[in-house]
PDB file of N, CA and C in Angstrom:
ATOM      1  N   MET A   1     -13.518  -3.546  -3.361  1.00  0.00           N
ATOM      2  CA  MET A   1     -12.043  -4.525  -3.331  1.00  0.00           C
ATOM      3  C   MET A   1     -11.726  -4.023  -2.056  1.00  0.00           C
ATOM      4  N   SER A   2     -11.441  -5.319  -1.440  1.00  0.00           N
ATOM      5  CA  SER A   2     -10.870  -5.304  -0.069  1.00  0.00           C
ATOM      6  C   SER A   2      -9.258  -5.120  -0.430  1.00  0.00           C
ATOM      7  N   ILE A   3      -8.771  -4.018   0.359  1.00  0.00           N
ATOM      8  CA  ILE A   3      -7.265  -3.776   0.045  1.00  0.00           C
ATOM      9  C   ILE A   3      -6.501  -5.063   0.607  1.00  0.00           C
ATOM     10  N   ARG A   4      -5.853  -5.499  -0.646  1.00  0.00           N
ATOM     11  CA  ARG A   4      -4.884  -6.748  -0.096  1.00  0.00           C
ATOM     12  C   ARG A   4      -3.516  -6.031   0.149  1.00  0.00           C
ATOM     13  N   GLY A   5      -3.099  -6.714   0.981  1.00  0.00           N
ATOM     14  CA  GLY A   5      -1.553  -6.291   1.270  1.00  0.00           C
ATOM     15  C   GLY A   5      -0.196  -6.194   0.083  1.00  0.00           C
ATOM     16  N   ILE A   6      -0.446  -7.200  -0.795  1.00  0.00           N
ATOM     17  CA  ILE A   6       0.434  -7.112  -1.899  1.00  0.00           C
ATOM     18  C   ILE A   6       0.035  -6.029  -2.758  1.00  0.00           C
ATOM     19  N   SER A   7      -1.300  -5.611  -2.764  1.00  0.00           N
ATOM     20  CA  SER A   7      -1.495  -4.592  -3.729  1.00  0.00           C
ATOM     21  C   SER A   7      -0.931  -2.993  -3.228  1.00  0.00           C
ATOM     22  N   VAL A   8      -0.680  -3.020  -1.942  1.00  0.00           N
ATOM     23  CA  VAL A   8       0.170  -1.730  -1.434  1.00  0.00           C
ATOM     24  C   VAL A   8       1.571  -1.914  -1.881  1.00  0.00           C
ATOM     25  N   LEU A   9       2.302  -3.066  -1.892  1.00  0.00           N
ATOM     26  CA  LEU A   9       3.407  -3.118  -2.477  1.00  0.00           C
ATOM     27  C   LEU A   9       3.519  -2.840  -3.844  1.00  0.00           C
ATOM     28  N   ARG A  10       2.621  -3.432  -4.806  1.00  0.00           N
ATOM     29  CA  ARG A  10       2.509  -3.238  -5.832  1.00  0.00           C
ATOM     30  C   ARG A  10       2.171  -1.314  -6.400  1.00  0.00           C
ATOM     31  N   SER A  11       1.400  -1.184  -5.754  1.00  0.00           N
ATOM     32  CA  SER A  11       1.450   0.403  -5.575  1.00  0.00           C
ATOM     33  C   SER A  11       2.558   1.413  -5.627  1.00  0.00           C
ATOM     34  N   ILE A  12       3.262   0.965  -4.746  1.00  0.00           N
ATOM     35  CA  ILE A  12       4.732   1.601  -4.332  1.00  0.00           C
ATOM     36  C   ILE A  12       5.569   1.691  -5.426  1.00  0.00           C
ATOM     37  N   GLU A  13       5.580   0.098  -5.861  1.00  0.00           N
ATOM     38  CA  GLU A  13       6.681  -0.193  -6.902  1.00  0.00           C
ATOM     39  C   GLU A  13       6.118   0.622  -8.437  1.00  0.00           C
ATOM     40  N   SER A  14       4.726   0.830  -8.458  1.00  0.00           N
ATOM     41  CA  SER A  14       4.551   1.296  -9.701  1.00  0.00           C
ATOM     42  C   SER A  14       4.832   2.831  -9.615  1.00  0.00           C
ATOM     43  N   LEU A  15       4.878   3.318  -8.283  1.00  0.00           N
ATOM     44  CA  LEU A  15       5.113   4.685  -8.195  1.00  0.00           C
ATOM     45  C   LEU A  15       6.778   4.925  -8.144  1.00  0.00           C
ATOM     46  N   GLY A  16       7.541   4.087  -8.754  1.00  0.00           N
ATOM     47  CA  GLY A  16       8.931   4.177  -8.507  1.00  0.00           C
ATOM     48  C   GLY A  16       9.806   3.565  -7.505  1.00  0.00           C
ATOM     49  N   GLY A  17       9.068   2.509  -6.672  1.00  0.00           N
ATOM     50  CA  GLY A  17       9.694   2.176  -5.662  1.00  0.00           C
ATOM     51  C   GLY A  17       9.826   2.842  -4.007  1.00  0.00           C
ATOM     52  N   LYS A  18       9.305   4.099  -4.286  1.00  0.00           N
ATOM     53  CA  LYS A  18       8.968   4.928  -3.115  1.00  0.00           C
ATOM     54  C   LYS A  18       8.021   5.954  -3.295  1.00  0.00           C
ATOM     55  N   ALA A  19       7.312   5.975  -2.007  1.00  0.00           N
ATOM     56  CA  ALA A  19       6.186   6.621  -2.184  1.00  0.00           C
ATOM     57  C   ALA A  19       5.424   7.309  -0.861  1.00  0.00           C
ATOM     58  N   GLU A  20       4.966   8.462  -1.079  1.00  0.00           N
ATOM     59  CA  GLU A  20       4.048   9.003   0.229  1.00  0.00           C
ATOM     60  C   GLU A  20       3.078   8.274   0.294  1.00  0.00           C
ATOM     61  N   ASN A  21       2.381   8.342   1.584  1.00  0.00           N
ATOM     62  CA  ASN A  21       1.153   8.005   1.671  1.00  0.00           C
ATOM     63  C   ASN A  21      -0.175   8.591   0.919  1.00  0.00           C
ATOM     64  N   GLN A  22       0.295   9.816   0.855  1.00  0.00           N
ATOM     65  CA  GLN A  22      -1.156  10.360  -0.232  1.00  0.00           C
ATOM     66  C   GLN A  22      -0.685   9.964  -1.539  1.00  0.00           C
ATOM     67  N   GLN A  23       0.135   9.535  -2.130  1.00  0.00           N
ATOM     68  CA  GLN A  23       0.450   9.066  -3.241  1.00  0.00           C
ATOM     69  C   GLN A  23      -0.122   7.884  -3.671  1.00  0.00           C
ATOM     70  N   ILE A  24       0.110   6.713  -2.450  1.00  0.00           N
ATOM     71  CA  ILE A  24      -0.381   5.487  -2.495  1.00  0.00           C
ATOM     72  C   ILE A  24      -1.978   5.482  -2.323  1.00  0.00           C
ATOM     73  N   TYR A  25      -2.739   6.350  -1.381  1.00  0.00           N
ATOM     74  CA  TYR A  25      -4.224   6.732  -1.333  1.00  0.00           C
ATOM     75  C   TYR A  25      -4.514   6.974  -3.015  1.00  0.00           C
ATOM     76  N   GLU A  26      -3.954   7.779  -3.567  1.00  0.00           N
ATOM     77  CA  GLU A  26      -4.356   8.124  -4.817  1.00  0.00           C
ATOM     78  C   GLU A  26      -4.310   7.301  -5.880  1.00  0.00           C
ATOM     79  N   TRP A  27      -3.395   6.368  -5.347  1.00  0.00           N
ATOM     80  CA  TRP A  27      -3.325   5.181  -6.763  1.00  0.00           C
ATOM     81  C   TRP A  27      -4.343   4.441  -6.302  1.00  0.00           C
ATOM     82  N   PHE A  28      -4.738   3.985  -5.253  1.00  0.00           N
ATOM     83  CA  PHE A  28      -5.955   3.173  -5.221  1.00  0.00           C
ATOM     84  C   PHE A  28      -6.969   3.935  -5.607  1.00  0.00           C
ATOM     85  N   LEU A  29      -7.222   4.961  -5.510  1.00  0.00           N
ATOM     86  CA  LEU A  29      -8.494   5.785  -6.163  1.00  0.00           C
ATOM     87  C   LEU A  29      -8.232   5.979  -7.416  1.00  0.00           C
ATOM     88  N   GLY A  30      -7.465   6.135  -7.889  1.00  0.00           N
ATOM     89  CA  GLY A  30      -7.354   5.996  -9.590  1.00  0.00           C
ATOM     90  C   GLY A  30      -7.206   4.503 -10.132  1.00  0.00           C
ATOM     91  N   SER A  31      -7.188   3.472  -9.218  1.00  0.00           N
ATOM     92  CA  SER A  31      -7.354   2.183  -9.971  1.00  0.00           C
ATOM     93  C   SER A  31      -8.852   1.804 -10.239  1.00  0.00           C
ATOM     94  N   GLY A  32      -9.625   2.544  -9.455  1.00  0.00           N
ATOM     95  CA  GLY A  32     -11.256   2.291  -9.616  1.00  0.00           C
ATOM     96  C   GLY A  32     -11.567   0.813  -9.051  1.00  0.00           C
ATOM     97  N   THR A  33     -10.980   0.562  -8.010  1.00  0.00           N
ATOM     98  CA  THR A  33     -11.080  -0.986  -7.446  1.00  0.00           C
ATOM     99  C   THR A  33     -11.661  -0.538  -5.909  1.00  0.00           C
ATOM    100  N   LEU A  34     -11.829   0.420  -5.717  1.00  0.00           N
ATOM    101  CA  LEU A  34     -12.296   0.543  -4.010  1.00  0.00           C
ATOM    102  C   LEU A  34     -13.595   0.581  -4.034  1.00  0.00           C
ATOM    103  N   THR A  35     -14.215  -0.352  -3.196  1.00  0.00           N
ATOM    104  CA  THR A  35     -15.484  -0.206  -2.870  1.00  0.00           C
ATOM    105  C   THR A  35     -16.304   0.830  -2.117  1.00  0.00           C
ATOM    106  N   GLU A  36     -17.545   1.022  -2.069  1.00  0.00           N
ATOM    107  CA  GLU A  36     -18.161   1.979  -1.334  1.00  0.00           C
ATOM    108  C   GLU A  36     -17.863   1.953   0.097  1.00  0.00           C
ATOM    109  N   GLU A  37     -17.780   0.662   0.584  1.00  0.00           N
ATOM    110  CA  GLU A  37     -17.418   0.292   2.062  1.00  0.00           C
ATOM    111  C   GLU A  37     -16.086   1.057   2.155  1.00  0.00           C
ATOM    112  N   SER A  38     -15.170   0.633   1.468  1.00  0.00           N
ATOM    113  CA  SER A  38     -13.646   1.299   1.890  1.00  0.00           C
ATOM    114  C   SER A  38     -13.484   2.694   1.619  1.00  0.00           C
ATOM    115  N   LYS A  39     -14.505   3.265   0.975  1.00  0.00           N
ATOM    116  CA  LYS A  39     -14.689   4.776   1.225  1.00  0.00           C
ATOM    117  C   LYS A  39     -15.449   5.384   2.011  1.00  0.00           C
ATOM    118  N   ARG A  40     -16.132   4.685   2.862  1.00  0.00           N
ATOM    119  CA  ARG A  40     -16.944   5.277   3.963  1.00  0.00           C
ATOM    120  C   ARG A  40     -15.942   6.337   4.852  1.00  0.00           C
ATOM    121  N   ILE A  41     -16.557   7.007   5.442  1.00  0.00           N
ATOM    122  CA  ILE A  41     -15.438   8.292   6.567  1.00  0.00           C
ATOM    123  C   ILE A  41     -15.823   7.258   7.862  1.00  0.00           C
ATOM    124  N   THR A  42     -14.835   7.079   8.466  1.00  0.00           N
ATOM    125  CA  THR A  42     -14.600   6.476   9.906  1.00  0.00           C
ATOM    126  C   THR A  42     -14.645   7.737  10.804  1.00  0.00           C
ATOM    127  N   LYS A  43     -14.949   7.203  12.136  1.00  0.00           N
ATOM    128  CA  LYS A  43     -14.893   8.046  13.045  1.00  0.00           C
ATOM    129  C   LYS A  43     -13.842   8.693  13.561  1.00  0.00           C
ATOM    130  N   TRP A  44     -12.548   8.683  12.694  1.00  0.00           N
ATOM    131  CA  TRP A  44     -11.322   9.494  12.830  1.00  0.00           C
ATOM    132  C   TRP A  44     -11.448  10.467  11.664  1.00  0.00           C
ATOM    133  N   ASN A  45     -12.731  10.428  11.083  1.00  0.00           N
ATOM    134  CA  ASN A  45     -13.052  11.771   9.830  1.00  0.00           C
ATOM    135  C   ASN A  45     -11.954  11.348   8.554  1.00  0.00           C
ATOM    136  N   GLU A  46     -11.473  10.075   8.279  1.00  0.00           N
ATOM    137  CA  GLU A  46     -11.076   9.426   7.227  1.00  0.00           C
ATOM    138  C   GLU A  46     -11.547   8.294   6.373  1.00  0.00           C
ATOM    139  N   PRO A  47     -11.109   8.563   5.090  1.00  0.00           N
ATOM    140  CA  PRO A  47     -11.693   7.275   4.451  1.00  0.00           C
ATOM    141  C   PRO A  47     -11.331   5.532   5.148  1.00  0.00           C
ATOM    142  N   ALA A  48     -12.013   4.817   5.049  1.00  0.00           N
ATOM    143  CA  ALA A  48     -11.483   3.665   5.675  1.00  0.00           C
ATOM    144  C   ALA A  48     -10.431   2.940   4.751  1.00  0.00           C
ATOM    145  N   TYR A  49     -10.289   3.037   3.809  1.00  0.00           N
ATOM    146  CA  TYR A  49      -9.050   2.744   3.113  1.00  0.00           C
ATOM    147  C   TYR A  49      -7.903   3.147   3.288  1.00  0.00           C
ATOM    148  N   GLU A  50      -7.696   4.419   3.783  1.00  0.00           N
ATOM    149  CA  GLU A  50      -6.381   5.121   4.282  1.00  0.00           C
ATOM    150  C   GLU A  50      -6.058   4.258   5.364  1.00  0.00           C
ATOM    151  N   HIS A  51      -6.857   4.147   6.440  1.00  0.00           N
ATOM    152  CA  HIS A  51      -6.371   3.088   7.788  1.00  0.00           C
ATOM    153  C   HIS A  51      -5.811   1.804   7.280  1.00  0.00           C
ATOM    154  N   ARG A  52      -6.704   1.177   6.112  1.00  0.00           N
ATOM    155  CA  ARG A  52      -6.095  -0.215   5.982  1.00  0.00           C
ATOM    156  C   ARG A  52      -4.929  -0.369   5.264  1.00  0.00           C
ATOM    157  N   ILE A  53      -4.402   1.007   4.505  1.00  0.00           N
ATOM    158  CA  ILE A  53      -3.441   0.858   3.511  1.00  0.00           C
ATOM    159  C   ILE A  53      -2.227   1.168   4.681  1.00  0.00           C
ATOM    160  N   ARG A  54      -2.511   2.286   5.882  1.00  0.00           N
ATOM    161  CA  ARG A  54      -1.393   2.320   6.618  1.00  0.00           C
ATOM    162  C   ARG A  54      -1.315   1.092   7.443  1.00  0.00           C
ATOM    163  N   ALA A  55      -2.311   0.022   7.693  1.00  0.00           N
ATOM    164  CA  ALA A  55      -2.236  -1.151   8.696  1.00  0.00           C
ATOM    165  C   ALA A  55      -1.155  -1.978   7.705  1.00  0.00           C
ATOM    166  N   HIS A  56      -1.422  -2.060   6.274  1.00  0.00           N
ATOM    167  CA  HIS A  56      -0.491  -2.959   5.542  1.00  0.00           C
ATOM    168  C   HIS A  56       0.719  -2.701   5.457  1.00  0.00           C
ATOM    169  N   ILE A  57       0.909  -1.319   5.587  1.00  0.00           N
ATOM    170  CA  ILE A  57       2.627  -0.752   5.403  1.00  0.00           C
ATOM    171  C   ILE A  57       3.297  -1.043   6.781  1.00  0.00           C
ATOM    172  N   SER A  58       2.589  -1.099   7.862  1.00  0.00           N
ATOM    173  CA  SER A  58       3.040  -1.322   9.040  1.00  0.00           C
ATOM    174  C   SER A  58       3.523  -2.816   9.082  1.00  0.00           C
ATOM    175  N   ILE A  59       2.519  -3.653   8.426  1.00  0.00           N
ATOM    176  CA  ILE A  59       2.973  -4.845   8.554  1.00  0.00           C
ATOM    177  C   ILE A  59       4.132  -5.191   7.554  1.00  0.00           C
ATOM    178  N   TRP A  60       4.091  -4.691   6.255  1.00  0.00           N
ATOM    179  CA  TRP A  60       5.129  -4.872   5.492  1.00  0.00           C
ATOM    180  C   TRP A  60       6.440  -4.365   5.938  1.00  0.00           C
ATOM    181  N   ARG A  61       6.318  -3.144   6.938  1.00  0.00           N
ATOM    182  CA  ARG A  61       7.509  -2.748   7.555  1.00  0.00           C
ATOM    183  C   ARG A  61       8.050  -3.707   8.294  1.00  0.00           C
ATOM    184  N   LYS A  62       7.320  -4.316   9.389  1.00  0.00           N
ATOM    185  CA  LYS A  62       8.099  -5.415  10.216  1.00  0.00           C
ATOM    186  C   LYS A  62       8.394  -6.679   9.544  1.00  0.00           C
ATOM    187  N   LYS A  63       7.864  -7.126   8.508  1.00  0.00           N
ATOM    188  CA  LYS A  63       8.346  -8.075   7.505  1.00  0.00           C
ATOM    189  C   LYS A  63       9.740  -7.822   6.841  1.00  0.00           C
ATOM    190  N   GLY A  64       9.980  -6.499   6.924  1.00  0.00           N
ATOM    191  CA  GLY A  64      11.102  -6.243   5.861  1.00  0.00           C
ATOM    192  C   GLY A  64      11.054  -5.765   4.628  1.00  0.00           C
ATOM    193  N   GLU A  65       9.784  -5.662   3.955  1.00  0.00           N
ATOM    194  CA  GLU A  65       9.376  -5.559   2.762  1.00  0.00           C
ATOM    195  C   GLU A  65       9.393  -3.879   2.396  1.00  0.00           C
ATOM    196  N   LEU A  66       9.358  -3.227   3.507  1.00  0.00           N
ATOM    197  CA  LEU A  66       9.309  -1.796   3.475  1.00  0.00           C
ATOM    198  C   LEU A  66      10.076  -1.203   4.260  1.00  0.00           C
ATOM    199  N   ILE A  67      10.574  -0.152   4.041  1.00  0.00           N
ATOM    200  CA  ILE A  67      11.502   0.601   4.975  1.00  0.00           C
ATOM    201  C   ILE A  67      10.865   2.260   5.075  1.00  0.00           C
ATOM    202  N   TRP A  68      11.029   2.795   6.069  1.00  0.00           N
ATOM    203  CA  TRP A  68      10.472   3.783   6.435  1.00  0.00           C
ATOM    204  C   TRP A  68      11.829   5.122   5.861  1.00  0.00           C
ATOM    205  N   LYS A  69      11.102   5.785   5.089  1.00  0.00           N
ATOM    206  CA  LYS A  69      12.478   6.726   4.580  1.00  0.00           C
ATOM    207  C   LYS A  69      12.122   8.553   5.282  1.00  0.00           C
ATOM    208  N   SER A  70      10.851   8.664   5.720  1.00  0.00           N
ATOM    209  CA  SER A  70      10.792   9.906   6.087  1.00  0.00           C
ATOM    210  C   SER A  70       9.118   9.647   6.473  1.00  0.00           C
ATOM    211  N   LYS A  71       8.714  10.871   7.347  1.00  0.00           N
ATOM    212  CA  LYS A  71       7.134  10.943   7.873  1.00  0.00           C
ATOM    213  C   LYS A  71       6.289  10.580   6.616  1.00  0.00           C
ATOM    214  N   GLY A  72       5.593   9.549   6.830  1.00  0.00           N
ATOM    215  CA  GLY A  72       4.473   9.169   5.483  1.00  0.00           C
ATOM    216  C   GLY A  72       5.427   8.736   4.225  1.00  0.00           C
ATOM    217  N   CYS A  73       6.505   8.331   4.030  1.00  0.00           N
ATOM    218  CA  CYS A  73       6.998   7.902   2.945  1.00  0.00           C
ATOM    219  C   CYS A  73       7.849   6.412   3.145  1.00  0.00           C
ATOM    220  N   TYR A  74       7.822   5.724   2.280  1.00  0.00           N
ATOM    221  CA  TYR A  74       8.243   4.262   2.625  1.00  0.00           C
ATOM    222  C   TYR A  74       8.675   4.063   1.098  1.00  0.00           C
ATOM    223  N   SER A  75       9.689   3.083   1.240  1.00  0.00           N
ATOM    224  CA  SER A  75      10.565   2.596  -0.179  1.00  0.00           C
ATOM    225  C   SER A  75      10.411   0.990   0.044  1.00  0.00           C
ATOM    226  N   LEU A  76      10.169   0.336  -1.348  1.00  0.00           N
ATOM    227  CA  LEU A  76      10.438  -0.993  -1.098  1.00  0.00           C
ATOM    228  C   LEU A  76      12.202  -1.554  -1.046  1.00  0.00           C
ATOM    229  N   THR A  77      12.060  -2.288  -0.302  1.00  0.00           N
ATOM    230  CA  THR A  77      13.443  -3.260   0.089  1.00  0.00           C
ATOM    231  C   THR A  77      13.630  -4.313  -0.993  1.00  0.00           C
ATOM    232  N   LYS A  78      14.801  -4.717  -1.012  1.00  0.00           N
ATOM    233  CA  LYS A  78      15.092  -5.715  -1.843  1.00  0.00           C
ATOM    234  C   LYS A  78      14.430  -6.868  -1.737  1.00  0.00           C
ATOM    235  N   LYS A  79      13.934  -7.176  -0.468  1.00  0.00           N
ATOM    236  CA  LYS A  79      12.959  -8.364   0.112  1.00  0.00           C
ATOM    237  C   LYS A  79      11.564  -8.013  -0.544  1.00  0.00           C
ATOM    238  N   GLY A  80      11.298  -6.967  -0.522  1.00  0.00           N
ATOM    239  CA  GLY A  80       9.975  -6.564  -1.068  1.00  0.00           C
ATOM    240  C   GLY A  80       9.758  -6.787  -2.676  1.00  0.00           C
ATOM    241  N   THR A  81      10.909  -6.394  -2.968  1.00  0.00           N
ATOM    242  CA  THR A  81      10.846  -6.616  -4.808  1.00  0.00           C
ATOM    243  C   THR A  81      10.838  -7.799  -5.028  1.00  0.00           C
ATOM    244  N   LYS A  82      11.657  -8.639  -4.112  1.00  0.00           N
ATOM    245  CA  LYS A  82      11.833 -10.198  -4.330  1.00  0.00           C
ATOM    246  C   LYS A  82      10.219 -10.692  -4.274  1.00  0.00           C
ATOM    247  N   ARG A  83       9.437 -10.378  -3.297  1.00  0.00           N
ATOM    248  CA  ARG A  83       8.112 -10.908  -2.879  1.00  0.00           C
ATOM    249  C   ARG A  83       7.281 -10.665  -4.043  1.00  0.00           C
ATOM    250  N   LEU A  84       7.526  -9.189  -4.868  1.00  0.00           N
ATOM    251  CA  LEU A  84       6.533  -8.976  -5.909  1.00  0.00           C
ATOM    252  C   LEU A  84       6.917  -9.928  -7.210  1.00  0.00           C
ATOM    253  N   GLU A  85       8.423 -10.150  -7.361  1.00  0.00           N
ATOM    254  CA  GLU A  85       8.452 -11.033  -8.204  1.00  0.00           C
ATOM    255  C   GLU A  85       8.017 -12.593  -8.119  1.00  0.00           C
ATOM    256  N   ALA A  86       7.967 -12.981  -6.929  1.00  0.00           N
ATOM    257  CA  ALA A  86       7.646 -14.419  -6.557  1.00  0.00           C
ATOM    258  C   ALA A  86       6.037 -14.224  -6.921  1.00  0.00           C
ATOM    259  N   GLU A  87       5.248 -13.385  -6.574  1.00  0.00           N
ATOM    260  CA  GLU A  87       3.992 -13.204  -6.813  1.00  0.00           C
ATOM    261  C   GLU A  87       3.598 -13.264  -8.181  1.00  0.00           C
ATOM    262  N   ARG A  88       4.348 -12.538  -8.954  1.00  0.00           N
ATOM    263  CA  ARG A  88       4.084 -12.204 -10.537  1.00  0.00           C
ATOM    264  C   ARG A  88       4.368 -13.817 -11.125  1.00  0.00           C
ATOM    265  N   ARG A  89       5.459 -14.677 -10.775  1.00  0.00           N
ATOM    266  CA  ARG A  89       5.894 -15.934 -11.119  1.00  0.00           C
ATOM    267  C   ARG A  89       4.574 -17.135 -10.838  1.00  0.00           C
ATOM    268  N   LYS A  90       3.791 -16.897  -9.530  1.00  0.00           N
ATOM    269  CA  LYS A  90       2.593 -17.574  -9.092  1.00  0.00           C
ATOM    270  C   LYS A  90       1.455 -17.580 -10.217  1.00  0.00           C
ATOM    271  N   LYS A  91       1.547 -16.419 -11.199  1.00  0.00           N
ATOM    272  CA  LYS A  91       0.161 -16.166 -11.905  1.00  0.00           C
ATOM    273  C   LYS A  91       0.558 -16.993 -13.338  1.00  0.00           C
TER     274      LYS A  91
END
């Protein structure tokens, strides 16, 4: 699975609307949808999916969908919740 940005928002939502990076990583691992490529260890000695998730978090923060709560901890904003609701209506 290539990690889609909306999946990062969904993971935080399913974790109660607020989550730490490690919880998000574990959510993706538990989903069983990560590819072997996304699990490969990068030159920074971490799985590629961790970098991708942090990149999506950064994008969502800039868009106002997530807010930083503390180091490595993020929370959905009303805007983020509305985006998820709109995504569900598309289906």
